[in-house]
Amino acid sequence: MSLSNHIFSKETPLKVNMNYQLYLPYDDGINRESKYPLIVFLHGVKKRGEDISLLDNYGLTWIAEGKSDFPFIIVTPQCPTDSNWVEEFHCVKALVDEMIMNYPVDAERVYLTGFSMGGNGTWDFASRAPELFSAVVPISGWFEPGQANLLKDIPIWAFHCVDDDVVRVSGTEDMVRSITKIGGNIKATYYSELGHSHKVMEETYNNQELYTWLLKHKRNEPFGG
C-alpha cells in the first residue's frame, strides 16, 4: 500500500484545481490488472486550506493506513479555505472521473463518505450525481429533507451521535425519516457520548461491517440489490 499527495488541475468548462491525498492498497510494483473499489472521503471544515499536511493522520485514510489488508483506493480531496463541498462539487466530480480513468478503479464500485461538512457534502453530491456513486455514508451531516426524492435510489448508511452539539442529530434523523417515507434504501446508526469528535469517524471506519455493506452495492444495480 502507499499514500501520496497530489494537485489535481484540469480544464473543464471551468478550470479546476484541488489538492488531494491518494491511498493505494497496492505497491507501485504490483501488477495493476486487478480492479479496486474507490472511496471518496470528504473532510470536515477544520481541514480546509492549501496545506495538504492537514489531512495527515486523519479520517478514513488514517484508519486504512493502520490496516494491513484495506482493499479500497481512497481519494481525499482538500476543500479550499474559503469554500465548502457544495461549491466544490464539479471539481470533485472531475477528480473522481480522473481517478477512474488513470487508476485501476472498479467503476461499478465507487463510494462516497464524509464527516460534518463532509457529511453535508456527501448528501449533496449523492443528490446531484446518484448515477456516479454505488453507495454513500454521510457521518454527522445534514441536508434538505425536501430533496429526499433525489436520493431515493441510492443505498445510504448514515451515522450520527445523539449528543452532537455542533451538527444536531436531527440533521440525519430528518433525512432518514424523509427517505424512508418515500421507500428509499437507507439505514442509520446512532452513537451516544461521542459528541462531534473524530471518535465518531473512528467508530464508524473501524467497523468491518461497513465495508462488507459497501461491497454489496454496485453502480447501476437494480434497486434493492
Protein backbone atom coordinates (compact mmCIF):
# COMPACT_ATOMS: atom_id res chain seq x y z
CA MET A 1 0.00 0.00 0.00
CA SER A 2 1.09 3.61 -0.45
CA LEU A 3 -0.07 7.14 0.40
CA SER A 4 0.87 10.22 -1.61
CA ASN A 5 -0.10 13.88 -2.01
CA HIS A 6 -1.12 15.45 -5.30
CA ILE A 7 -2.50 18.57 -7.00
CA PHE A 8 -5.30 17.99 -9.50
CA SER A 9 -5.61 20.51 -12.35
CA LYS A 10 -7.77 20.21 -15.43
CA GLU A 11 -9.62 22.38 -17.94
CA THR A 12 -13.35 21.64 -17.79
CA PRO A 13 -15.93 24.31 -18.66
CA LEU A 14 -14.11 25.97 -15.76
CA LYS A 15 -10.55 25.29 -14.69
CA VAL A 16 -10.45 23.18 -11.54
CA ASN A 17 -7.56 22.92 -9.11
CA MET A 18 -7.51 20.96 -5.85
CA ASN A 19 -5.05 19.26 -3.50
CA TYR A 20 -5.78 15.67 -2.61
CA GLN A 21 -4.33 12.66 -0.85
CA LEU A 22 -4.37 9.30 -2.56
CA TYR A 23 -4.24 5.99 -0.74
CA LEU A 24 -3.45 2.93 -2.84
CA PRO A 25 -3.88 -0.58 -1.39
CA TYR A 26 -1.06 -1.87 -3.56
CA ASP A 27 2.62 -1.04 -4.12
CA ASP A 28 3.53 0.58 -7.43
CA GLY A 29 5.40 -2.54 -8.47
CA ILE A 30 2.35 -4.79 -8.18
CA ASN A 31 0.50 -5.83 -11.34
CA ARG A 32 -2.41 -3.45 -11.79
CA GLU A 33 -4.64 -5.84 -13.69
CA SER A 34 -6.82 -6.17 -10.60
CA LYS A 35 -9.56 -3.60 -10.12
CA TYR A 36 -10.12 -1.92 -6.77
CA PRO A 37 -13.22 -0.22 -5.34
CA LEU A 38 -12.83 3.53 -4.76
CA ILE A 39 -13.93 5.52 -1.71
CA VAL A 40 -14.10 9.32 -1.92
CA PHE A 41 -13.68 10.81 1.57
CA LEU A 42 -14.76 14.41 2.28
CA HIS A 43 -13.17 16.00 5.36
CA GLY A 44 -14.66 18.41 7.90
CA VAL A 45 -14.46 22.21 7.96
CA LYS A 46 -11.27 22.46 10.04
CA LYS A 47 -9.22 20.68 7.37
CA ARG A 48 -9.90 23.26 4.65
CA GLY A 49 -6.92 25.09 3.22
CA GLU A 50 -3.92 24.81 0.93
CA ASP A 51 -1.71 22.81 3.31
CA ILE A 52 -2.22 19.17 2.37
CA SER A 53 -0.47 18.01 5.55
CA LEU A 54 -3.63 18.99 7.45
CA LEU A 55 -5.06 15.70 6.19
CA ASP A 56 -2.25 13.59 7.66
CA ASN A 57 -3.31 11.12 10.38
CA TYR A 58 -6.95 11.98 9.85
CA GLY A 59 -10.19 10.31 8.92
CA LEU A 60 -10.64 7.31 6.67
CA THR A 61 -7.10 7.35 5.26
CA TRP A 62 -5.63 7.23 8.75
CA ILE A 63 -7.79 4.20 9.57
CA ALA A 64 -6.81 2.49 6.30
CA GLU A 65 -3.09 3.04 6.94
CA GLY A 66 -3.42 1.15 10.19
CA LYS A 67 -4.75 -1.95 8.46
CA SER A 68 -2.65 -4.42 6.50
CA ASP A 69 -5.39 -5.51 4.12
CA PHE A 70 -7.60 -2.48 3.43
CA PRO A 71 -8.91 -3.27 -0.09
CA PHE A 72 -10.06 0.15 -1.30
CA ILE A 73 -8.40 3.03 -3.14
CA ILE A 74 -9.15 6.24 -1.20
CA VAL A 75 -9.07 9.75 -2.63
CA THR A 76 -9.31 12.58 -0.09
CA PRO A 77 -9.68 15.99 -1.76
CA GLN A 78 -8.93 19.13 0.23
CA CYS A 79 -11.54 21.88 0.20
CA PRO A 80 -10.05 25.39 -0.29
CA THR A 81 -10.05 27.72 2.71
CA ASP A 82 -12.96 29.96 1.75
CA SER A 83 -15.16 27.32 0.17
CA ASN A 84 -17.31 24.32 1.08
CA TRP A 85 -18.09 20.97 -0.50
CA VAL A 86 -21.33 22.13 -2.10
CA GLU A 87 -19.36 24.74 -4.04
CA GLU A 88 -16.65 22.22 -4.95
CA PHE A 89 -18.97 19.58 -6.44
CA HIS A 90 -17.80 19.98 -10.05
CA CYS A 91 -14.13 19.90 -9.07
CA VAL A 92 -14.53 16.74 -7.00
CA LYS A 93 -16.60 15.06 -9.70
CA ALA A 94 -13.86 15.81 -12.24
CA LEU A 95 -11.28 14.39 -9.82
CA VAL A 96 -13.29 11.18 -9.44
CA ASP A 97 -13.51 10.85 -13.22
CA GLU A 98 -9.74 11.28 -13.36
CA MET A 99 -9.23 8.53 -10.77
CA ILE A 100 -11.41 6.12 -12.74
CA MET A 101 -9.54 6.92 -15.94
CA ASN A 102 -5.97 6.68 -14.61
CA TYR A 103 -6.05 4.12 -11.79
CA PRO A 104 -7.25 0.50 -11.59
CA VAL A 105 -10.66 1.52 -10.21
CA ASP A 106 -13.67 -0.76 -10.37
CA ALA A 107 -16.04 1.82 -11.86
CA GLU A 108 -19.05 -0.18 -10.63
CA ARG A 109 -17.91 0.28 -7.04
CA VAL A 110 -17.36 3.98 -6.34
CA TYR A 111 -18.41 5.03 -2.84
CA LEU A 112 -18.72 8.38 -1.08
CA THR A 113 -18.38 9.29 2.59
CA GLY A 114 -17.64 12.35 4.69
CA PHE A 115 -17.74 13.84 8.18
CA SER A 116 -19.54 17.02 9.33
CA MET A 117 -19.13 19.50 6.45
CA GLY A 118 -18.10 16.39 4.52
CA GLY A 119 -21.29 14.68 5.65
CA ASN A 120 -23.27 17.55 4.17
CA GLY A 121 -21.16 17.25 1.02
CA THR A 122 -21.92 13.52 0.87
CA TRP A 123 -25.67 14.13 0.95
CA ASP A 124 -25.32 16.92 -1.61
CA PHE A 125 -23.06 15.06 -4.07
CA ALA A 126 -25.28 11.98 -3.91
CA SER A 127 -28.34 14.09 -4.72
CA ARG A 128 -26.60 15.66 -7.73
CA ALA A 129 -24.82 12.59 -9.11
CA PRO A 130 -26.66 9.48 -7.88
CA GLU A 131 -25.52 7.66 -11.01
CA LEU A 132 -21.84 8.07 -10.04
CA PHE A 133 -21.87 6.52 -6.57
CA SER A 134 -22.70 2.93 -5.71
CA ALA A 135 -23.48 3.76 -2.06
CA VAL A 136 -22.87 6.68 0.31
CA VAL A 137 -22.04 7.06 4.02
CA PRO A 138 -22.73 10.53 5.50
CA ILE A 139 -21.40 11.00 9.04
CA SER A 140 -22.58 13.78 11.37
CA GLY A 141 -24.01 15.66 8.40
CA TRP A 142 -27.17 17.44 7.32
CA PHE A 143 -29.21 18.13 4.19
CA GLU A 144 -32.61 19.27 2.95
CA PRO A 145 -35.38 16.72 3.67
CA GLY A 146 -37.41 18.30 0.85
CA GLN A 147 -34.85 16.88 -1.61
CA ALA A 148 -35.20 13.31 -0.38
CA ASN A 149 -36.67 12.23 -3.72
CA LEU A 150 -33.24 12.82 -5.32
CA LEU A 151 -31.75 10.20 -3.01
CA LYS A 152 -34.41 7.52 -3.19
CA ASP A 153 -32.48 5.07 -5.37
CA ILE A 154 -29.01 5.19 -3.83
CA PRO A 155 -28.05 2.96 -0.86
CA ILE A 156 -27.30 5.11 2.20
CA TRP A 157 -25.96 4.27 5.65
CA ALA A 158 -25.94 7.38 7.83
CA PHE A 159 -24.16 7.82 11.17
CA HIS A 160 -24.57 10.46 13.86
CA CYS A 161 -24.11 10.94 17.60
CA VAL A 162 -27.28 11.81 19.54
CA ASP A 163 -25.43 14.31 21.76
CA ASP A 164 -23.72 16.15 18.87
CA ASP A 165 -23.77 19.82 19.87
CA VAL A 166 -22.28 21.14 16.60
CA VAL A 167 -24.44 19.44 13.96
CA ARG A 168 -27.58 18.30 15.71
CA VAL A 169 -28.66 14.71 15.22
CA SER A 170 -31.87 15.98 13.63
CA GLY A 171 -29.72 16.72 10.57
CA THR A 172 -29.56 12.95 9.99
CA GLU A 173 -32.89 11.97 11.56
CA ASP A 174 -34.88 14.28 9.27
CA MET A 175 -33.20 12.83 6.18
CA VAL A 176 -33.72 9.24 7.32
CA ARG A 177 -37.38 9.93 8.02
CA SER A 178 -37.97 11.62 4.66
CA ILE A 179 -36.17 8.98 2.58
CA THR A 180 -37.80 6.11 4.46
CA LYS A 181 -41.22 7.67 3.89
CA ILE A 182 -40.76 7.51 0.09
CA GLY A 183 -39.40 3.97 0.15
CA GLY A 184 -35.70 4.78 -0.16
CA ASN A 185 -32.78 2.47 0.59
CA ILE A 186 -31.47 3.94 3.85
CA LYS A 187 -30.45 2.89 7.33
CA ALA A 188 -28.84 4.75 10.23
CA THR A 189 -26.64 4.12 13.24
CA TYR A 190 -26.74 6.48 16.21
CA TYR A 191 -23.98 6.76 18.81
CA SER A 192 -24.02 8.27 22.28
CA GLU A 193 -21.35 10.11 24.28
CA LEU A 194 -19.11 10.82 21.26
CA GLY A 195 -20.36 14.34 20.52
CA HIS A 196 -18.97 15.86 17.32
CA SER A 197 -15.47 14.48 17.79
CA HIS A 198 -13.29 12.48 15.45
CA LYS A 199 -14.21 9.46 17.58
CA VAL A 200 -17.40 9.26 15.53
CA MET A 201 -15.29 8.66 12.43
CA GLU A 202 -13.04 6.21 14.24
CA GLU A 203 -16.01 4.19 15.46
CA THR A 204 -17.56 4.16 12.01
CA TYR A 205 -14.49 3.50 9.88
CA ASN A 206 -13.21 0.77 12.20
CA ASN A 207 -16.44 -1.17 11.73
CA GLN A 208 -15.75 -4.02 9.30
CA GLU A 209 -19.49 -4.42 8.73
CA LEU A 210 -19.46 -1.07 6.92
CA TYR A 211 -17.06 -2.30 4.23
CA THR A 212 -18.95 -5.57 3.82
CA TRP A 213 -22.10 -3.50 3.28
CA LEU A 214 -20.39 -1.19 0.78
CA LEU A 215 -19.09 -4.03 -1.36
CA LYS A 216 -22.59 -5.47 -1.68
CA HIS A 217 -23.54 -2.46 -3.77
CA LYS A 218 -22.55 -1.94 -7.38
CA ARG A 219 -23.37 1.01 -9.60
CA ASN A 220 -26.36 0.57 -11.89
CA GLU A 221 -27.60 -2.43 -9.95
CA PRO A 222 -31.38 -2.87 -9.67
CA PHE A 223 -32.81 -1.04 -6.67
CA GLY A 224 -32.91 -3.24 -3.62
CA GLY A 225 -29.77 -5.20 -4.56
